[in-house]
Amino acid sequence: MQLEYMIPIVLFVCIYLTIKAVVDADARKRMIQSNGSEDMLRTLIEGEEIRRRQASLRWGVILLALAVGFGLLEGFDWKEPSPALFAILLGATGLGNLAAYYLGRRAK
């Protein structure tokens, strides 16, 4: 991929993440200012922490499964796009999602 295609993509991702961080911070600020009970705030914060850990686990397992899929493609020396190439990558992503689901259920 050429560099002139990467710059707008990275810029879009940076803008998205910046807006998401500002909106999340504003939502947290409003929750704290709403004078809700301390137990409710604690529960919300703990739930957010659990969701963040689960998301990290899920992405880690998915990326690991994709790395294995790309390793298989390199091992089979497949360079040209073919249905088998996409099937291996999609299968690795699916297995990664299933493994993340299983690990997430075990962690509870």
C-alpha atoms as a PDB file:
ATOM      1  CA  MET A   1       0.000   0.000   0.000  1.00  0.00           C
ATOM      2  CA  GLN A   2       1.301   3.405  -0.865  1.00  0.00           C
ATOM      3  CA  LEU A   3       1.858   6.064   1.759  1.00  0.00           C
ATOM      4  CA  GLU A   4      -0.621   8.541   0.291  1.00  0.00           C
ATOM      5  CA  TYR A   5      -3.429   6.041   1.020  1.00  0.00           C
ATOM      6  CA  MET A   6      -2.319   5.442   4.596  1.00  0.00           C
ATOM      7  CA  ILE A   7      -2.327   9.099   5.688  1.00  0.00           C
ATOM      8  CA  PRO A   8      -6.120   9.663   5.369  1.00  0.00           C
ATOM      9  CA  ILE A   9      -6.872   6.295   6.969  1.00  0.00           C
ATOM     10  CA  VAL A  10      -4.653   6.999   9.979  1.00  0.00           C
ATOM     11  CA  LEU A  11      -6.062  10.527  10.236  1.00  0.00           C
ATOM     12  CA  PHE A  12      -9.618   9.155  10.276  1.00  0.00           C
ATOM     13  CA  VAL A  13      -8.735   6.627  12.987  1.00  0.00           C
ATOM     14  CA  CYS A  14      -7.073   9.325  15.115  1.00  0.00           C
ATOM     15  CA  ILE A  15     -10.092  11.627  14.797  1.00  0.00           C
ATOM     16  CA  TYR A  16     -12.438   8.775  15.712  1.00  0.00           C
ATOM     17  CA  LEU A  17     -10.440   7.814  18.796  1.00  0.00           C
ATOM     18  CA  THR A  18     -10.204  11.445  19.923  1.00  0.00           C
ATOM     19  CA  ILE A  19     -13.953  11.963  19.635  1.00  0.00           C
ATOM     20  CA  LYS A  20     -14.618   8.675  21.448  1.00  0.00           C
ATOM     21  CA  ALA A  21     -12.303   9.636  24.322  1.00  0.00           C
ATOM     22  CA  VAL A  22     -13.976  13.058  24.718  1.00  0.00           C
ATOM     23  CA  VAL A  23     -17.494  11.598  24.642  1.00  0.00           C
ATOM     24  CA  ASP A  24     -16.587   8.866  27.157  1.00  0.00           C
ATOM     25  CA  ALA A  25     -14.977  11.405  29.502  1.00  0.00           C
ATOM     26  CA  ASP A  26     -18.034  13.662  29.245  1.00  0.00           C
ATOM     27  CA  ALA A  27     -20.364  10.754  30.016  1.00  0.00           C
ATOM     28  CA  ARG A  28     -18.308   9.819  33.086  1.00  0.00           C
ATOM     29  CA  LYS A  29     -18.308  13.444  34.244  1.00  0.00           C
ATOM     30  CA  ARG A  30     -22.097  13.655  33.924  1.00  0.00           C
ATOM     31  CA  MET A  31     -22.541  10.414  35.872  1.00  0.00           C
ATOM     32  CA  ILE A  32     -20.419  11.728  38.709  1.00  0.00           C
ATOM     33  CA  GLN A  33     -22.227  15.080  38.742  1.00  0.00           C
ATOM     34  CA  SER A  34     -25.675  13.466  38.717  1.00  0.00           C
ATOM     35  CA  ASN A  35     -25.382  12.846  42.480  1.00  0.00           C
ATOM     36  CA  GLY A  36     -26.186   9.173  42.054  1.00  0.00           C
ATOM     37  CA  SER A  37     -25.547   6.748  44.843  1.00  0.00           C
ATOM     38  CA  GLU A  38     -21.976   5.705  45.484  1.00  0.00           C
ATOM     39  CA  ASP A  39     -22.858   2.043  44.987  1.00  0.00           C
ATOM     40  CA  MET A  40     -24.304   2.768  41.546  1.00  0.00           C
ATOM     41  CA  LEU A  41     -21.180   4.653  40.479  1.00  0.00           C
ATOM     42  CA  ARG A  42     -18.919   1.899  41.805  1.00  0.00           C
ATOM     43  CA  THR A  43     -20.943  -0.725  39.939  1.00  0.00           C
ATOM     44  CA  LEU A  44     -20.768   1.261  36.693  1.00  0.00           C
ATOM     45  CA  ILE A  45     -17.017   1.772  36.991  1.00  0.00           C
ATOM     46  CA  GLU A  46     -16.394  -1.902  37.806  1.00  0.00           C
ATOM     47  CA  GLY A  47     -18.589  -2.963  34.861  1.00  0.00           C
ATOM     48  CA  GLU A  48     -16.644  -0.675  32.546  1.00  0.00           C
ATOM     49  CA  GLU A  49     -13.361  -2.144  33.774  1.00  0.00           C
ATOM     50  CA  ILE A  50     -14.612  -5.683  33.142  1.00  0.00           C
ATOM     51  CA  ARG A  51     -15.773  -4.750  29.629  1.00  0.00           C
ATOM     52  CA  ARG A  52     -12.395  -3.156  28.909  1.00  0.00           C
ATOM     53  CA  ARG A  53     -10.538  -6.295  30.028  1.00  0.00           C
ATOM     54  CA  GLN A  54     -12.875  -8.520  28.003  1.00  0.00           C
ATOM     55  CA  ALA A  55     -12.310  -6.375  24.907  1.00  0.00           C
ATOM     56  CA  SER A  56      -8.555  -6.610  25.354  1.00  0.00           C
ATOM     57  CA  LEU A  57      -8.787 -10.375  25.756  1.00  0.00           C
ATOM     58  CA  ARG A  58     -10.990 -10.682  22.686  1.00  0.00           C
ATOM     59  CA  TRP A  59      -8.739  -8.602  20.433  1.00  0.00           C
ATOM     60  CA  GLY A  60      -5.652 -10.380  21.701  1.00  0.00           C
ATOM     61  CA  VAL A  61      -7.075 -13.811  20.910  1.00  0.00           C
ATOM     62  CA  ILE A  62      -8.401 -12.700  17.503  1.00  0.00           C
ATOM     63  CA  LEU A  63      -5.089 -11.157  16.484  1.00  0.00           C
ATOM     64  CA  LEU A  64      -3.233 -14.257  17.679  1.00  0.00           C
ATOM     65  CA  ALA A  65      -5.537 -16.475  15.610  1.00  0.00           C
ATOM     66  CA  LEU A  66      -5.021 -14.250  12.564  1.00  0.00           C
ATOM     67  CA  ALA A  67      -1.266 -14.439  13.057  1.00  0.00           C
ATOM     68  CA  VAL A  68      -1.552 -18.232  13.010  1.00  0.00           C
ATOM     69  CA  GLY A  69      -3.664 -17.973   9.843  1.00  0.00           C
ATOM     70  CA  PHE A  70      -1.085 -15.775   8.131  1.00  0.00           C
ATOM     71  CA  GLY A  71       1.619 -18.190   9.287  1.00  0.00           C
ATOM     72  CA  LEU A  72      -0.270 -21.031   7.633  1.00  0.00           C
ATOM     73  CA  LEU A  73      -0.534 -19.031   4.421  1.00  0.00           C
ATOM     74  CA  GLU A  74       3.200 -18.402   4.476  1.00  0.00           C
ATOM     75  CA  GLY A  75       3.837 -22.071   5.256  1.00  0.00           C
ATOM     76  CA  PHE A  76       1.745 -23.178   2.274  1.00  0.00           C
ATOM     77  CA  ASP A  77       3.442 -20.482   0.172  1.00  0.00           C
ATOM     78  CA  TRP A  78       0.150 -19.025  -1.060  1.00  0.00           C
ATOM     79  CA  LYS A  79       0.744 -15.594  -2.543  1.00  0.00           C
ATOM     80  CA  GLU A  80      -2.167 -15.159  -4.964  1.00  0.00           C
ATOM     81  CA  PRO A  81      -5.662 -14.365  -3.649  1.00  0.00           C
ATOM     82  CA  SER A  82      -7.838 -17.442  -3.784  1.00  0.00           C
ATOM     83  CA  PRO A  83     -10.934 -18.726  -1.968  1.00  0.00           C
ATOM     84  CA  ALA A  84      -8.768 -21.002   0.184  1.00  0.00           C
ATOM     85  CA  LEU A  85      -6.646 -18.055   1.309  1.00  0.00           C
ATOM     86  CA  PHE A  86      -9.723 -16.089   2.409  1.00  0.00           C
ATOM     87  CA  ALA A  87     -11.234 -19.195   4.006  1.00  0.00           C
ATOM     88  CA  ILE A  88      -8.157 -19.678   6.180  1.00  0.00           C
ATOM     89  CA  LEU A  89      -8.169 -16.039   7.297  1.00  0.00           C
ATOM     90  CA  LEU A  90     -11.917 -15.994   7.975  1.00  0.00           C
ATOM     91  CA  GLY A  91     -11.691 -19.341   9.754  1.00  0.00           C
ATOM     92  CA  ALA A  92      -8.844 -18.068  11.925  1.00  0.00           C
ATOM     93  CA  THR A  93     -10.911 -14.980  12.810  1.00  0.00           C
ATOM     94  CA  GLY A  94     -13.919 -17.137  13.650  1.00  0.00           C
ATOM     95  CA  LEU A  95     -11.839 -19.481  15.787  1.00  0.00           C
ATOM     96  CA  GLY A  96     -10.336 -16.459  17.518  1.00  0.00           C
ATOM     97  CA  ASN A  97     -13.812 -15.153  18.352  1.00  0.00           C
ATOM     98  CA  LEU A  98     -14.912 -18.537  19.656  1.00  0.00           C
ATOM     99  CA  ALA A  99     -11.763 -18.903  21.756  1.00  0.00           C
ATOM    100  CA  ALA A 100     -12.234 -15.392  23.173  1.00  0.00           C
ATOM    101  CA  TYR A 101     -15.840 -16.221  24.041  1.00  0.00           C
ATOM    102  CA  TYR A 102     -14.766 -19.435  25.755  1.00  0.00           C
ATOM    103  CA  LEU A 103     -11.990 -17.710  27.701  1.00  0.00           C
ATOM    104  CA  GLY A 104     -14.308 -14.872  28.658  1.00  0.00           C
ATOM    105  CA  ARG A 105     -16.910 -17.297  30.001  1.00  0.00           C
ATOM    106  CA  ARG A 106     -14.231 -19.184  31.975  1.00  0.00           C
ATOM    107  CA  ALA A 107     -12.894 -15.940  33.472  1.00  0.00           C
ATOM    108  CA  LYS A 108     -16.267 -15.117  35.040  1.00  0.00           C
END
